[in-house]
Amino acid sequence: GLVDNHLFYVARREFAEQHPELLRTVL
């Protein structure tokens, strides 16, 4: 009733932009 309490998967921006296929593999 107060918070959702999400847990997020986050990535270093440069890594996500330069290696989307590796990020996709991990996810």
mmCIF file of all heavy atoms, coordinates in Angstrom:
data_MODEL
# 
_entry.id   MODEL 
# 
loop_
_atom_site.group_PDB 
_atom_site.id 
_atom_site.type_symbol 
_atom_site.label_atom_id 
_atom_site.label_alt_id 
_atom_site.label_comp_id 
_atom_site.label_asym_id 
_atom_site.label_entity_id 
_atom_site.label_seq_id 
_atom_site.pdbx_PDB_ins_code 
_atom_site.Cartn_x 
_atom_site.Cartn_y 
_atom_site.Cartn_z 
_atom_site.occupancy 
_atom_site.B_iso_or_equiv 
_atom_site.pdbx_formal_charge 
_atom_site.auth_seq_id 
_atom_site.auth_comp_id 
_atom_site.auth_asym_id 
_atom_site.auth_atom_id 
_atom_site.pdbx_PDB_model_num 
ATOM 1   N N   . GLY A 1 1  ? 0.790  -1.218  0.000   1.00 0.00 ? 1  GLY A N   1 
ATOM 2   C CA  . GLY A 1 1  ? 0.000  0.000   0.000   1.00 0.00 ? 1  GLY A CA  1 
ATOM 3   C C   . GLY A 1 1  ? 0.827  1.275   0.000   1.00 0.00 ? 1  GLY A C   1 
ATOM 4   O O   . GLY A 1 1  ? 0.265  2.371   -0.141  1.00 0.00 ? 1  GLY A O   1 
ATOM 5   N N   . LEU A 1 2  ? 2.155  1.128   0.147   1.00 0.00 ? 2  LEU A N   1 
ATOM 6   C CA  . LEU A 1 2  ? 3.022  2.304   0.214   1.00 0.00 ? 2  LEU A CA  1 
ATOM 7   C C   . LEU A 1 2  ? 4.049  2.341   -0.917  1.00 0.00 ? 2  LEU A C   1 
ATOM 8   O O   . LEU A 1 2  ? 4.287  3.394   -1.504  1.00 0.00 ? 2  LEU A O   1 
ATOM 9   C CB  . LEU A 1 2  ? 3.764  2.346   1.563   1.00 0.00 ? 2  LEU A CB  1 
ATOM 10  C CG  . LEU A 1 2  ? 2.917  2.558   2.812   1.00 0.00 ? 2  LEU A CG  1 
ATOM 11  C CD1 . LEU A 1 2  ? 3.798  2.473   4.056   1.00 0.00 ? 2  LEU A CD1 1 
ATOM 12  C CD2 . LEU A 1 2  ? 2.208  3.919   2.767   1.00 0.00 ? 2  LEU A CD2 1 
ATOM 13  N N   . VAL A 1 3  ? 4.672  1.208   -1.208  1.00 0.00 ? 3  VAL A N   1 
ATOM 14  C CA  . VAL A 1 3  ? 5.731  1.143   -2.215  1.00 0.00 ? 3  VAL A CA  1 
ATOM 15  C C   . VAL A 1 3  ? 5.563  -0.137  -3.034  1.00 0.00 ? 3  VAL A C   1 
ATOM 16  O O   . VAL A 1 3  ? 4.947  -1.098  -2.599  1.00 0.00 ? 3  VAL A O   1 
ATOM 17  C CB  . VAL A 1 3  ? 7.131  1.155   -1.567  1.00 0.00 ? 3  VAL A CB  1 
ATOM 18  C CG1 . VAL A 1 3  ? 7.373  2.460   -0.828  1.00 0.00 ? 3  VAL A CG1 1 
ATOM 19  C CG2 . VAL A 1 3  ? 7.310  -0.040  -0.647  1.00 0.00 ? 3  VAL A CG2 1 
ATOM 20  N N   . ASP A 1 4  ? 6.169  -0.139  -4.214  1.00 0.00 ? 4  ASP A N   1 
ATOM 21  C CA  . ASP A 1 4  ? 6.158  -1.350  -5.048  1.00 0.00 ? 4  ASP A CA  1 
ATOM 22  C C   . ASP A 1 4  ? 7.315  -2.275  -4.700  1.00 0.00 ? 4  ASP A C   1 
ATOM 23  O O   . ASP A 1 4  ? 7.197  -3.492  -4.807  1.00 0.00 ? 4  ASP A O   1 
ATOM 24  C CB  . ASP A 1 4  ? 6.250  -0.974  -6.524  1.00 0.00 ? 4  ASP A CB  1 
ATOM 25  C CG  . ASP A 1 4  ? 4.946  -0.449  -7.078  1.00 0.00 ? 4  ASP A CG  1 
ATOM 26  O OD1 . ASP A 1 4  ? 3.902  -0.695  -6.456  1.00 0.00 ? 4  ASP A OD1 1 
ATOM 27  O OD2 . ASP A 1 4  ? 4.971  0.216   -8.130  1.00 0.00 ? 4  ASP A OD2 1 
ATOM 28  N N   . ASN A 1 5  ? 8.447  -1.707  -4.306  1.00 0.00 ? 5  ASN A N   1 
ATOM 29  C CA  . ASN A 1 5  ? 9.655  -2.471  -4.013  1.00 0.00 ? 5  ASN A CA  1 
ATOM 30  C C   . ASN A 1 5  ? 10.083 -3.291  -5.226  1.00 0.00 ? 5  ASN A C   1 
ATOM 31  O O   . ASN A 1 5  ? 10.140 -4.518  -5.209  1.00 0.00 ? 5  ASN A O   1 
ATOM 32  C CB  . ASN A 1 5  ? 9.456  -3.388  -2.798  1.00 0.00 ? 5  ASN A CB  1 
ATOM 33  C CG  . ASN A 1 5  ? 10.766 -4.047  -2.368  1.00 0.00 ? 5  ASN A CG  1 
ATOM 34  O OD1 . ASN A 1 5  ? 11.841 -3.495  -2.570  1.00 0.00 ? 5  ASN A OD1 1 
ATOM 35  N ND2 . ASN A 1 5  ? 10.664 -5.233  -1.794  1.00 0.00 ? 5  ASN A ND2 1 
ATOM 36  N N   . HIS A 1 6  ? 10.419 -2.597  -6.294  1.00 0.00 ? 6  HIS A N   1 
ATOM 37  C CA  . HIS A 1 6  ? 10.973 -3.245  -7.477  1.00 0.00 ? 6  HIS A CA  1 
ATOM 38  C C   . HIS A 1 6  ? 12.467 -3.523  -7.273  1.00 0.00 ? 6  HIS A C   1 
ATOM 39  O O   . HIS A 1 6  ? 13.157 -2.795  -6.564  1.00 0.00 ? 6  HIS A O   1 
ATOM 40  C CB  . HIS A 1 6  ? 10.836 -2.344  -8.706  1.00 0.00 ? 6  HIS A CB  1 
ATOM 41  C CG  . HIS A 1 6  ? 9.494  -2.383  -9.347  1.00 0.00 ? 6  HIS A CG  1 
ATOM 42  N ND1 . HIS A 1 6  ? 9.059  -3.453  -10.094 1.00 0.00 ? 6  HIS A ND1 1 
ATOM 43  C CD2 . HIS A 1 6  ? 8.482  -1.485  -9.351  1.00 0.00 ? 6  HIS A CD2 1 
ATOM 44  C CE1 . HIS A 1 6  ? 7.839  -3.210  -10.549 1.00 0.00 ? 6  HIS A CE1 1 
ATOM 45  N NE2 . HIS A 1 6  ? 7.461  -2.022  -10.107 1.00 0.00 ? 6  HIS A NE2 1 
ATOM 46  N N   . LEU A 1 7  ? 12.946 -4.567  -7.924  1.00 0.00 ? 7  LEU A N   1 
ATOM 47  C CA  . LEU A 1 7  ? 14.376 -4.786  -8.087  1.00 0.00 ? 7  LEU A CA  1 
ATOM 48  C C   . LEU A 1 7  ? 14.674 -4.641  -9.568  1.00 0.00 ? 7  LEU A C   1 
ATOM 49  O O   . LEU A 1 7  ? 13.964 -5.202  -10.407 1.00 0.00 ? 7  LEU A O   1 
ATOM 50  C CB  . LEU A 1 7  ? 14.780 -6.178  -7.597  1.00 0.00 ? 7  LEU A CB  1 
ATOM 51  C CG  . LEU A 1 7  ? 14.737 -6.377  -6.074  1.00 0.00 ? 7  LEU A CG  1 
ATOM 52  C CD1 . LEU A 1 7  ? 14.970 -7.848  -5.736  1.00 0.00 ? 7  LEU A CD1 1 
ATOM 53  C CD2 . LEU A 1 7  ? 15.785 -5.514  -5.383  1.00 0.00 ? 7  LEU A CD2 1 
ATOM 54  N N   . PHE A 1 8  ? 15.719 -3.872  -9.886  1.00 0.00 ? 8  PHE A N   1 
ATOM 55  C CA  . PHE A 1 8  ? 16.022 -3.563  -11.283 1.00 0.00 ? 8  PHE A CA  1 
ATOM 56  C C   . PHE A 1 8  ? 17.320 -4.210  -11.739 1.00 0.00 ? 8  PHE A C   1 
ATOM 57  O O   . PHE A 1 8  ? 18.279 -4.333  -10.967 1.00 0.00 ? 8  PHE A O   1 
ATOM 58  C CB  . PHE A 1 8  ? 16.144 -2.046  -11.467 1.00 0.00 ? 8  PHE A CB  1 
ATOM 59  C CG  . PHE A 1 8  ? 14.838 -1.324  -11.406 1.00 0.00 ? 8  PHE A CG  1 
ATOM 60  C CD1 . PHE A 1 8  ? 14.490 -0.595  -10.277 1.00 0.00 ? 8  PHE A CD1 1 
ATOM 61  C CD2 . PHE A 1 8  ? 13.939 -1.365  -12.465 1.00 0.00 ? 8  PHE A CD2 1 
ATOM 62  C CE1 . PHE A 1 8  ? 13.281 0.080   -10.211 1.00 0.00 ? 8  PHE A CE1 1 
ATOM 63  C CE2 . PHE A 1 8  ? 12.729 -0.697  -12.411 1.00 0.00 ? 8  PHE A CE2 1 
ATOM 64  C CZ  . PHE A 1 8  ? 12.396 0.025   -11.291 1.00 0.00 ? 8  PHE A CZ  1 
ATOM 65  N N   . TYR A 1 9  ? 17.325 -4.596  -13.004 1.00 0.00 ? 9  TYR A N   1 
ATOM 66  C CA  . TYR A 1 9  ? 18.553 -4.968  -13.693 1.00 0.00 ? 9  TYR A CA  1 
ATOM 67  C C   . TYR A 1 9  ? 19.035 -3.713  -14.415 1.00 0.00 ? 9  TYR A C   1 
ATOM 68  O O   . TYR A 1 9  ? 18.283 -3.115  -15.203 1.00 0.00 ? 9  TYR A O   1 
ATOM 69  C CB  . TYR A 1 9  ? 18.297 -6.107  -14.680 1.00 0.00 ? 9  TYR A CB  1 
ATOM 70  C CG  . TYR A 1 9  ? 17.882 -7.381  -13.984 1.00 0.00 ? 9  TYR A CG  1 
ATOM 71  C CD1 . TYR A 1 9  ? 16.551 -7.604  -13.648 1.00 0.00 ? 9  TYR A CD1 1 
ATOM 72  C CD2 . TYR A 1 9  ? 18.831 -8.344  -13.634 1.00 0.00 ? 9  TYR A CD2 1 
ATOM 73  C CE1 . TYR A 1 9  ? 16.165 -8.760  -12.988 1.00 0.00 ? 9  TYR A CE1 1 
ATOM 74  C CE2 . TYR A 1 9  ? 18.447 -9.501  -12.971 1.00 0.00 ? 9  TYR A CE2 1 
ATOM 75  C CZ  . TYR A 1 9  ? 17.115 -9.707  -12.647 1.00 0.00 ? 9  TYR A CZ  1 
ATOM 76  O OH  . TYR A 1 9  ? 16.725 -10.847 -11.979 1.00 0.00 ? 9  TYR A OH  1 
ATOM 77  N N   . VAL A 1 10 ? 20.251 -3.315  -14.107 1.00 0.00 ? 10 VAL A N   1 
ATOM 78  C CA  . VAL A 1 10 ? 20.808 -2.091  -14.683 1.00 0.00 ? 10 VAL A CA  1 
ATOM 79  C C   . VAL A 1 10 ? 22.109 -2.437  -15.398 1.00 0.00 ? 10 VAL A C   1 
ATOM 80  O O   . VAL A 1 10 ? 22.775 -3.429  -15.068 1.00 0.00 ? 10 VAL A O   1 
ATOM 81  C CB  . VAL A 1 10 ? 21.059 -1.016  -13.608 1.00 0.00 ? 10 VAL A CB  1 
ATOM 82  C CG1 . VAL A 1 10 ? 19.751 -0.539  -13.002 1.00 0.00 ? 10 VAL A CG1 1 
ATOM 83  C CG2 . VAL A 1 10 ? 21.986 -1.537  -12.510 1.00 0.00 ? 10 VAL A CG2 1 
ATOM 84  N N   . ALA A 1 11 ? 22.453 -1.627  -16.376 1.00 0.00 ? 11 ALA A N   1 
ATOM 85  C CA  . ALA A 1 11 ? 23.675 -1.862  -17.141 1.00 0.00 ? 11 ALA A CA  1 
ATOM 86  C C   . ALA A 1 11 ? 24.434 -0.557  -17.317 1.00 0.00 ? 11 ALA A C   1 
ATOM 87  O O   . ALA A 1 11 ? 23.835 0.529   -17.374 1.00 0.00 ? 11 ALA A O   1 
ATOM 88  C CB  . ALA A 1 11 ? 23.349 -2.461  -18.509 1.00 0.00 ? 11 ALA A CB  1 
ATOM 89  N N   . ARG A 1 12 ? 25.747 -0.666  -17.378 1.00 0.00 ? 12 ARG A N   1 
ATOM 90  C CA  . ARG A 1 12 ? 26.570 0.493   -17.717 1.00 0.00 ? 12 ARG A CA  1 
ATOM 91  C C   . ARG A 1 12 ? 26.199 0.927   -19.132 1.00 0.00 ? 12 ARG A C   1 
ATOM 92  O O   . ARG A 1 12 ? 26.144 0.124   -20.050 1.00 0.00 ? 12 ARG A O   1 
ATOM 93  C CB  . ARG A 1 12 ? 28.050 0.108   -17.623 1.00 0.00 ? 12 ARG A CB  1 
ATOM 94  C CG  . ARG A 1 12 ? 29.023 1.244   -17.759 1.00 0.00 ? 12 ARG A CG  1 
ATOM 95  C CD  . ARG A 1 12 ? 30.423 0.805   -17.330 1.00 0.00 ? 12 ARG A CD  1 
ATOM 96  N NE  . ARG A 1 12 ? 30.880 -0.349  -18.092 1.00 0.00 ? 12 ARG A NE  1 
ATOM 97  C CZ  . ARG A 1 12 ? 31.480 -0.290  -19.279 1.00 0.00 ? 12 ARG A CZ  1 
ATOM 98  N NH1 . ARG A 1 12 ? 31.697 0.903   -19.853 1.00 0.00 ? 12 ARG A NH1 1 
ATOM 99  N NH2 . ARG A 1 12 ? 31.868 -1.377  -19.900 1.00 0.00 ? 12 ARG A NH2 1 
ATOM 100 N N   . ARG A 1 13 ? 25.905 2.207   -19.295 1.00 0.00 ? 13 ARG A N   1 
ATOM 101 C CA  . ARG A 1 13 ? 25.366 2.686   -20.570 1.00 0.00 ? 13 ARG A CA  1 
ATOM 102 C C   . ARG A 1 13 ? 26.275 2.336   -21.757 1.00 0.00 ? 13 ARG A C   1 
ATOM 103 O O   . ARG A 1 13 ? 25.808 1.847   -22.777 1.00 0.00 ? 13 ARG A O   1 
ATOM 104 C CB  . ARG A 1 13 ? 25.133 4.205   -20.526 1.00 0.00 ? 13 ARG A CB  1 
ATOM 105 C CG  . ARG A 1 13 ? 24.607 4.770   -21.848 1.00 0.00 ? 13 ARG A CG  1 
ATOM 106 C CD  . ARG A 1 13 ? 24.351 6.252   -21.762 1.00 0.00 ? 13 ARG A CD  1 
ATOM 107 N NE  . ARG A 1 13 ? 23.130 6.541   -21.010 1.00 0.00 ? 13 ARG A NE  1 
ATOM 108 C CZ  . ARG A 1 13 ? 21.907 6.522   -21.522 1.00 0.00 ? 13 ARG A CZ  1 
ATOM 109 N NH1 . ARG A 1 13 ? 21.726 6.186   -22.795 1.00 0.00 ? 13 ARG A NH1 1 
ATOM 110 N NH2 . ARG A 1 13 ? 20.866 6.823   -20.778 1.00 0.00 ? 13 ARG A NH2 1 
ATOM 111 N N   . GLU A 1 14 ? 27.558 2.584   -21.624 1.00 0.00 ? 14 GLU A N   1 
ATOM 112 C CA  . GLU A 1 14 ? 28.465 2.310   -22.735 1.00 0.00 ? 14 GLU A CA  1 
ATOM 113 C C   . GLU A 1 14 ? 28.454 0.828   -23.104 1.00 0.00 ? 14 GLU A C   1 
ATOM 114 O O   . GLU A 1 14 ? 28.456 0.464   -24.290 1.00 0.00 ? 14 GLU A O   1 
ATOM 115 C CB  . GLU A 1 14 ? 29.884 2.751   -22.380 1.00 0.00 ? 14 GLU A CB  1 
ATOM 116 C CG  . GLU A 1 14 ? 30.886 2.578   -23.509 1.00 0.00 ? 14 GLU A CG  1 
ATOM 117 C CD  . GLU A 1 14 ? 32.281 3.031   -23.130 1.00 0.00 ? 14 GLU A CD  1 
ATOM 118 O OE1 . GLU A 1 14 ? 32.530 3.271   -21.928 1.00 0.00 ? 14 GLU A OE1 1 
ATOM 119 O OE2 . GLU A 1 14 ? 33.125 3.147   -24.035 1.00 0.00 ? 14 GLU A OE2 1 
ATOM 120 N N   . PHE A 1 15 ? 28.426 -0.039  -22.091 1.00 0.00 ? 15 PHE A N   1 
ATOM 121 C CA  . PHE A 1 15 ? 28.380 -1.479  -22.356 1.00 0.00 ? 15 PHE A CA  1 
ATOM 122 C C   . PHE A 1 15 ? 27.095 -1.851  -23.080 1.00 0.00 ? 15 PHE A C   1 
ATOM 123 O O   . PHE A 1 15 ? 27.114 -2.592  -24.069 1.00 0.00 ? 15 PHE A O   1 
ATOM 124 C CB  . PHE A 1 15 ? 28.477 -2.254  -21.038 1.00 0.00 ? 15 PHE A CB  1 
ATOM 125 C CG  . PHE A 1 15 ? 28.242 -3.729  -21.192 1.00 0.00 ? 15 PHE A CG  1 
ATOM 126 C CD1 . PHE A 1 15 ? 29.253 -4.565  -21.638 1.00 0.00 ? 15 PHE A CD1 1 
ATOM 127 C CD2 . PHE A 1 15 ? 26.997 -4.279  -20.892 1.00 0.00 ? 15 PHE A CD2 1 
ATOM 128 C CE1 . PHE A 1 15 ? 29.024 -5.936  -21.790 1.00 0.00 ? 15 PHE A CE1 1 
ATOM 129 C CE2 . PHE A 1 15 ? 26.770 -5.643  -21.044 1.00 0.00 ? 15 PHE A CE2 1 
ATOM 130 C CZ  . PHE A 1 15 ? 27.784 -6.476  -21.492 1.00 0.00 ? 15 PHE A CZ  1 
ATOM 131 N N   . ALA A 1 16 ? 25.957 -1.326  -22.619 1.00 0.00 ? 16 ALA A N   1 
ATOM 132 C CA  . ALA A 1 16 ? 24.670 -1.655  -23.232 1.00 0.00 ? 16 ALA A CA  1 
ATOM 133 C C   . ALA A 1 16 ? 24.601 -1.191  -24.680 1.00 0.00 ? 16 ALA A C   1 
ATOM 134 O O   . ALA A 1 16 ? 24.043 -1.880  -25.537 1.00 0.00 ? 16 ALA A O   1 
ATOM 135 C CB  . ALA A 1 16 ? 23.533 -1.031  -22.426 1.00 0.00 ? 16 ALA A CB  1 
ATOM 136 N N   . GLU A 1 17 ? 25.178 -0.032  -24.959 1.00 0.00 ? 17 GLU A N   1 
ATOM 137 C CA  . GLU A 1 17 ? 25.121 0.512   -26.313 1.00 0.00 ? 17 GLU A CA  1 
ATOM 138 C C   . GLU A 1 17 ? 26.107 -0.175  -27.264 1.00 0.00 ? 17 GLU A C   1 
ATOM 139 O O   . GLU A 1 17 ? 25.818 -0.357  -28.447 1.00 0.00 ? 17 GLU A O   1 
ATOM 140 C CB  . GLU A 1 17 ? 25.385 2.015   -26.270 1.00 0.00 ? 17 GLU A CB  1 
ATOM 141 C CG  . GLU A 1 17 ? 24.274 2.800   -25.583 1.00 0.00 ? 17 GLU A CG  1 
ATOM 142 C CD  . GLU A 1 17 ? 24.578 4.278   -25.435 1.00 0.00 ? 17 GLU A CD  1 
ATOM 143 O OE1 . GLU A 1 17 ? 25.766 4.665   -25.540 1.00 0.00 ? 17 GLU A OE1 1 
ATOM 144 O OE2 . GLU A 1 17 ? 23.635 5.045   -25.194 1.00 0.00 ? 17 GLU A OE2 1 
ATOM 145 N N   . GLN A 1 18 ? 27.266 -0.587  -26.728 1.00 0.00 ? 18 GLN A N   1 
ATOM 146 C CA  . GLN A 1 18 ? 28.289 -1.170  -27.587 1.00 0.00 ? 18 GLN A CA  1 
ATOM 147 C C   . GLN A 1 18 ? 28.196 -2.688  -27.707 1.00 0.00 ? 18 GLN A C   1 
ATOM 148 O O   . GLN A 1 18 ? 28.659 -3.268  -28.688 1.00 0.00 ? 18 GLN A O   1 
ATOM 149 C CB  . GLN A 1 18 ? 29.672 -0.781  -27.075 1.00 0.00 ? 18 GLN A CB  1 
ATOM 150 C CG  . GLN A 1 18 ? 29.967 0.702   -27.184 1.00 0.00 ? 18 GLN A CG  1 
ATOM 151 C CD  . GLN A 1 18 ? 31.398 1.042   -26.782 1.00 0.00 ? 18 GLN A CD  1 
ATOM 152 O OE1 . GLN A 1 18 ? 32.181 0.173   -26.419 1.00 0.00 ? 18 GLN A OE1 1 
ATOM 153 N NE2 . GLN A 1 18 ? 31.733 2.331   -26.860 1.00 0.00 ? 18 GLN A NE2 1 
ATOM 154 N N   . HIS A 1 19 ? 27.572 -3.330  -26.697 1.00 0.00 ? 19 HIS A N   1 
ATOM 155 C CA  . HIS A 1 19 ? 27.491 -4.796  -26.699 1.00 0.00 ? 19 HIS A CA  1 
ATOM 156 C C   . HIS A 1 19 ? 26.073 -5.278  -26.392 1.00 0.00 ? 19 HIS A C   1 
ATOM 157 O O   . HIS A 1 19 ? 25.857 -6.026  -25.434 1.00 0.00 ? 19 HIS A O   1 
ATOM 158 C CB  . HIS A 1 19 ? 28.468 -5.378  -25.672 1.00 0.00 ? 19 HIS A CB  1 
ATOM 159 C CG  . HIS A 1 19 ? 29.892 -5.006  -25.919 1.00 0.00 ? 19 HIS A CG  1 
ATOM 160 N ND1 . HIS A 1 19 ? 30.634 -5.551  -26.938 1.00 0.00 ? 19 HIS A ND1 1 
ATOM 161 C CD2 . HIS A 1 19 ? 30.697 -4.124  -25.282 1.00 0.00 ? 19 HIS A CD2 1 
ATOM 162 C CE1 . HIS A 1 19 ? 31.857 -5.033  -26.917 1.00 0.00 ? 19 HIS A CE1 1 
ATOM 163 N NE2 . HIS A 1 19 ? 31.915 -4.156  -25.931 1.00 0.00 ? 19 HIS A NE2 1 
ATOM 164 N N   . PRO A 1 20 ? 25.103 -4.867  -27.191 1.00 0.00 ? 20 PRO A N   1 
ATOM 165 C CA  . PRO A 1 20 ? 23.715 -5.271  -26.904 1.00 0.00 ? 20 PRO A CA  1 
ATOM 166 C C   . PRO A 1 20 ? 23.528 -6.780  -26.929 1.00 0.00 ? 20 PRO A C   1 
ATOM 167 O O   . PRO A 1 20 ? 22.699 -7.317  -26.182 1.00 0.00 ? 20 PRO A O   1 
ATOM 168 C CB  . PRO A 1 20 ? 22.914 -4.586  -28.012 1.00 0.00 ? 20 PRO A CB  1 
ATOM 169 C CG  . PRO A 1 20 ? 23.902 -4.351  -29.119 1.00 0.00 ? 20 PRO A CG  1 
ATOM 170 C CD  . PRO A 1 20 ? 25.191 -4.053  -28.421 1.00 0.00 ? 20 PRO A CD  1 
ATOM 171 N N   . GLU A 1 21 ? 24.308 -7.490  -27.757 1.00 0.00 ? 21 GLU A N   1 
ATOM 172 C CA  . GLU A 1 21 ? 24.152 -8.942  -27.849 1.00 0.00 ? 21 GLU A CA  1 
ATOM 173 C C   . GLU A 1 21 ? 24.625 -9.627  -26.563 1.00 0.00 ? 21 GLU A C   1 
ATOM 174 O O   . GLU A 1 21 ? 24.050 -10.642 -26.131 1.00 0.00 ? 21 GLU A O   1 
ATOM 175 C CB  . GLU A 1 21 ? 24.920 -9.481  -29.071 1.00 0.00 ? 21 GLU A CB  1 
ATOM 176 C CG  . GLU A 1 21 ? 26.433 -9.529  -28.953 1.00 0.00 ? 21 GLU A CG  1 
ATOM 177 C CD  . GLU A 1 21 ? 27.117 -8.163  -28.974 1.00 0.00 ? 21 GLU A CD  1 
ATOM 178 O OE1 . GLU A 1 21 ? 26.434 -7.148  -29.275 1.00 0.00 ? 21 GLU A OE1 1 
ATOM 179 O OE2 . GLU A 1 21 ? 28.323 -8.096  -28.692 1.00 0.00 ? 21 GLU A OE2 1 
ATOM 180 N N   . LEU A 1 22 ? 25.649 -9.082  -25.913 1.00 0.00 ? 22 LEU A N   1 
ATOM 181 C CA  . LEU A 1 22 ? 26.106 -9.647  -24.647 1.00 0.00 ? 22 LEU A CA  1 
ATOM 182 C C   . LEU A 1 22 ? 25.113 -9.338  -23.525 1.00 0.00 ? 22 LEU A C   1 
ATOM 183 O O   . LEU A 1 22 ? 24.848 -10.187 -22.673 1.00 0.00 ? 22 LEU A O   1 
ATOM 184 C CB  . LEU A 1 22 ? 27.491 -9.115  -24.297 1.00 0.00 ? 22 LEU A CB  1 
ATOM 185 C CG  . LEU A 1 22 ? 28.612 -9.474  -25.277 1.00 0.00 ? 22 LEU A CG  1 
ATOM 186 C CD1 . LEU A 1 22 ? 29.948 -8.925  -24.774 1.00 0.00 ? 22 LEU A CD1 1 
ATOM 187 C CD2 . LEU A 1 22 ? 28.698 -10.976 -25.484 1.00 0.00 ? 22 LEU A CD2 1 
ATOM 188 N N   . LEU A 1 23 ? 24.577 -8.140  -23.532 1.00 0.00 ? 23 LEU A N   1 
ATOM 189 C CA  . LEU A 1 23 ? 23.555 -7.792  -22.550 1.00 0.00 ? 23 LEU A CA  1 
ATOM 190 C C   . LEU A 1 23 ? 22.338 -8.697  -22.711 1.00 0.00 ? 23 LEU A C   1 
ATOM 191 O O   . LEU A 1 23 ? 21.792 -9.211  -21.730 1.00 0.00 ? 23 LEU A O   1 
ATOM 192 C CB  . LEU A 1 23 ? 23.147 -6.324  -22.708 1.00 0.00 ? 23 LEU A CB  1 
ATOM 193 C CG  . LEU A 1 23 ? 22.003 -5.835  -21.805 1.00 0.00 ? 23 LEU A CG  1 
ATOM 194 C CD1 . LEU A 1 23 ? 22.319 -6.055  -20.339 1.00 0.00 ? 23 LEU A CD1 1 
ATOM 195 C CD2 . LEU A 1 23 ? 21.709 -4.365  -22.092 1.00 0.00 ? 23 LEU A CD2 1 
ATOM 196 N N   . ARG A 1 24 ? 21.916 -8.909  -23.943 1.00 0.00 ? 24 ARG A N   1 
ATOM 197 C CA  . ARG A 1 24 ? 20.773 -9.776  -24.219 1.00 0.00 ? 24 ARG A CA  1 
ATOM 198 C C   . ARG A 1 24 ? 21.035 -11.197 -23.721 1.00 0.00 ? 24 ARG A C   1 
ATOM 199 O O   . ARG A 1 24 ? 20.146 -11.843 -23.136 1.00 0.00 ? 24 ARG A O   1 
ATOM 200 C CB  . ARG A 1 24 ? 20.516 -9.787  -25.731 1.00 0.00 ? 24 ARG A CB  1 
ATOM 201 C CG  . ARG A 1 24 ? 19.447 -10.711 -26.247 1.00 0.00 ? 24 ARG A CG  1 
ATOM 202 C CD  . ARG A 1 24 ? 18.072 -10.252 -25.852 1.00 0.00 ? 24 ARG A CD  1 
ATOM 203 N NE  . ARG A 1 24 ? 17.660 -10.873 -24.597 1.00 0.00 ? 24 ARG A NE  1 
ATOM 204 C CZ  . ARG A 1 24 ? 16.763 -10.364 -23.780 1.00 0.00 ? 24 ARG A CZ  1 
ATOM 205 N NH1 . ARG A 1 24 ? 16.185 -9.214  -24.041 1.00 0.00 ? 24 ARG A NH1 1 
ATOM 206 N NH2 . ARG A 1 24 ? 16.415 -10.993 -22.677 1.00 0.00 ? 24 ARG A NH2 1 
ATOM 207 N N   . THR A 1 25 ? 22.263 -11.685 -23.927 1.00 0.00 ? 25 THR A N   1 
ATOM 208 C CA  . THR A 1 25 ? 22.624 -13.026 -23.470 1.00 0.00 ? 25 THR A CA  1 
ATOM 209 C C   . THR A 1 25 ? 22.506 -13.146 -21.961 1.00 0.00 ? 25 THR A C   1 
ATOM 210 O O   . THR A 1 25 ? 21.959 -14.127 -21.435 1.00 0.00 ? 25 THR A O   1 
ATOM 211 C CB  . THR A 1 25 ? 24.072 -13.356 -23.901 1.00 0.00 ? 25 THR A CB  1 
ATOM 212 O OG1 . THR A 1 25 ? 24.134 -13.357 -25.336 1.00 0.00 ? 25 THR A OG1 1 
ATOM 213 C CG2 . THR A 1 25 ? 24.508 -14.720 -23.383 1.00 0.00 ? 25 THR A CG2 1 
ATOM 214 N N   . VAL A 1 26 ? 23.008 -12.146 -21.234 1.00 0.00 ? 26 VAL A N   1 
ATOM 215 C CA  . VAL A 1 26 ? 22.934 -12.167 -19.770 1.00 0.00 ? 26 VAL A CA  1 
ATOM 216 C C   . VAL A 1 26 ? 21.492 -12.110 -19.302 1.00 0.00 ? 26 VAL A C   1 
ATOM 217 O O   . VAL A 1 26 ? 21.069 -12.875 -18.418 1.00 0.00 ? 26 VAL A O   1 
ATOM 218 C CB  . VAL A 1 26 ? 23.747 -11.003 -19.178 1.00 0.00 ? 26 VAL A CB  1 
ATOM 219 C CG1 . VAL A 1 26 ? 23.514 -10.899 -17.672 1.00 0.00 ? 26 VAL A CG1 1 
ATOM 220 C CG2 . VAL A 1 26 ? 25.237 -11.191 -19.464 1.00 0.00 ? 26 VAL A CG2 1 
ATOM 221 N N   . LEU A 1 27 ? 20.685 -11.232 -19.878 1.00 0.00 ? 27 LEU A N   1 
ATOM 222 C CA  . LEU A 1 27 ? 19.291 -11.109 -19.460 1.00 0.00 ? 27 LEU A CA  1 
ATOM 223 C C   . LEU A 1 27 ? 18.503 -12.383 -19.758 1.00 0.00 ? 27 LEU A C   1 
ATOM 224 O O   . LEU A 1 27 ? 17.627 -12.782 -18.976 1.00 0.00 ? 27 LEU A O   1 
ATOM 225 C CB  . LEU A 1 27 ? 18.641 -9.908  -20.146 1.00 0.00 ? 27 LEU A CB  1 
ATOM 226 C CG  . LEU A 1 27 ? 19.154 -8.531  -19.706 1.00 0.00 ? 27 LEU A CG  1 
ATOM 227 C CD1 . LEU A 1 27 ? 18.464 -7.431  -20.508 1.00 0.00 ? 27 LEU A CD1 1 
ATOM 228 C CD2 . LEU A 1 27 ? 18.938 -8.305  -18.210 1.00 0.00 ? 27 LEU A CD2 1 
# 
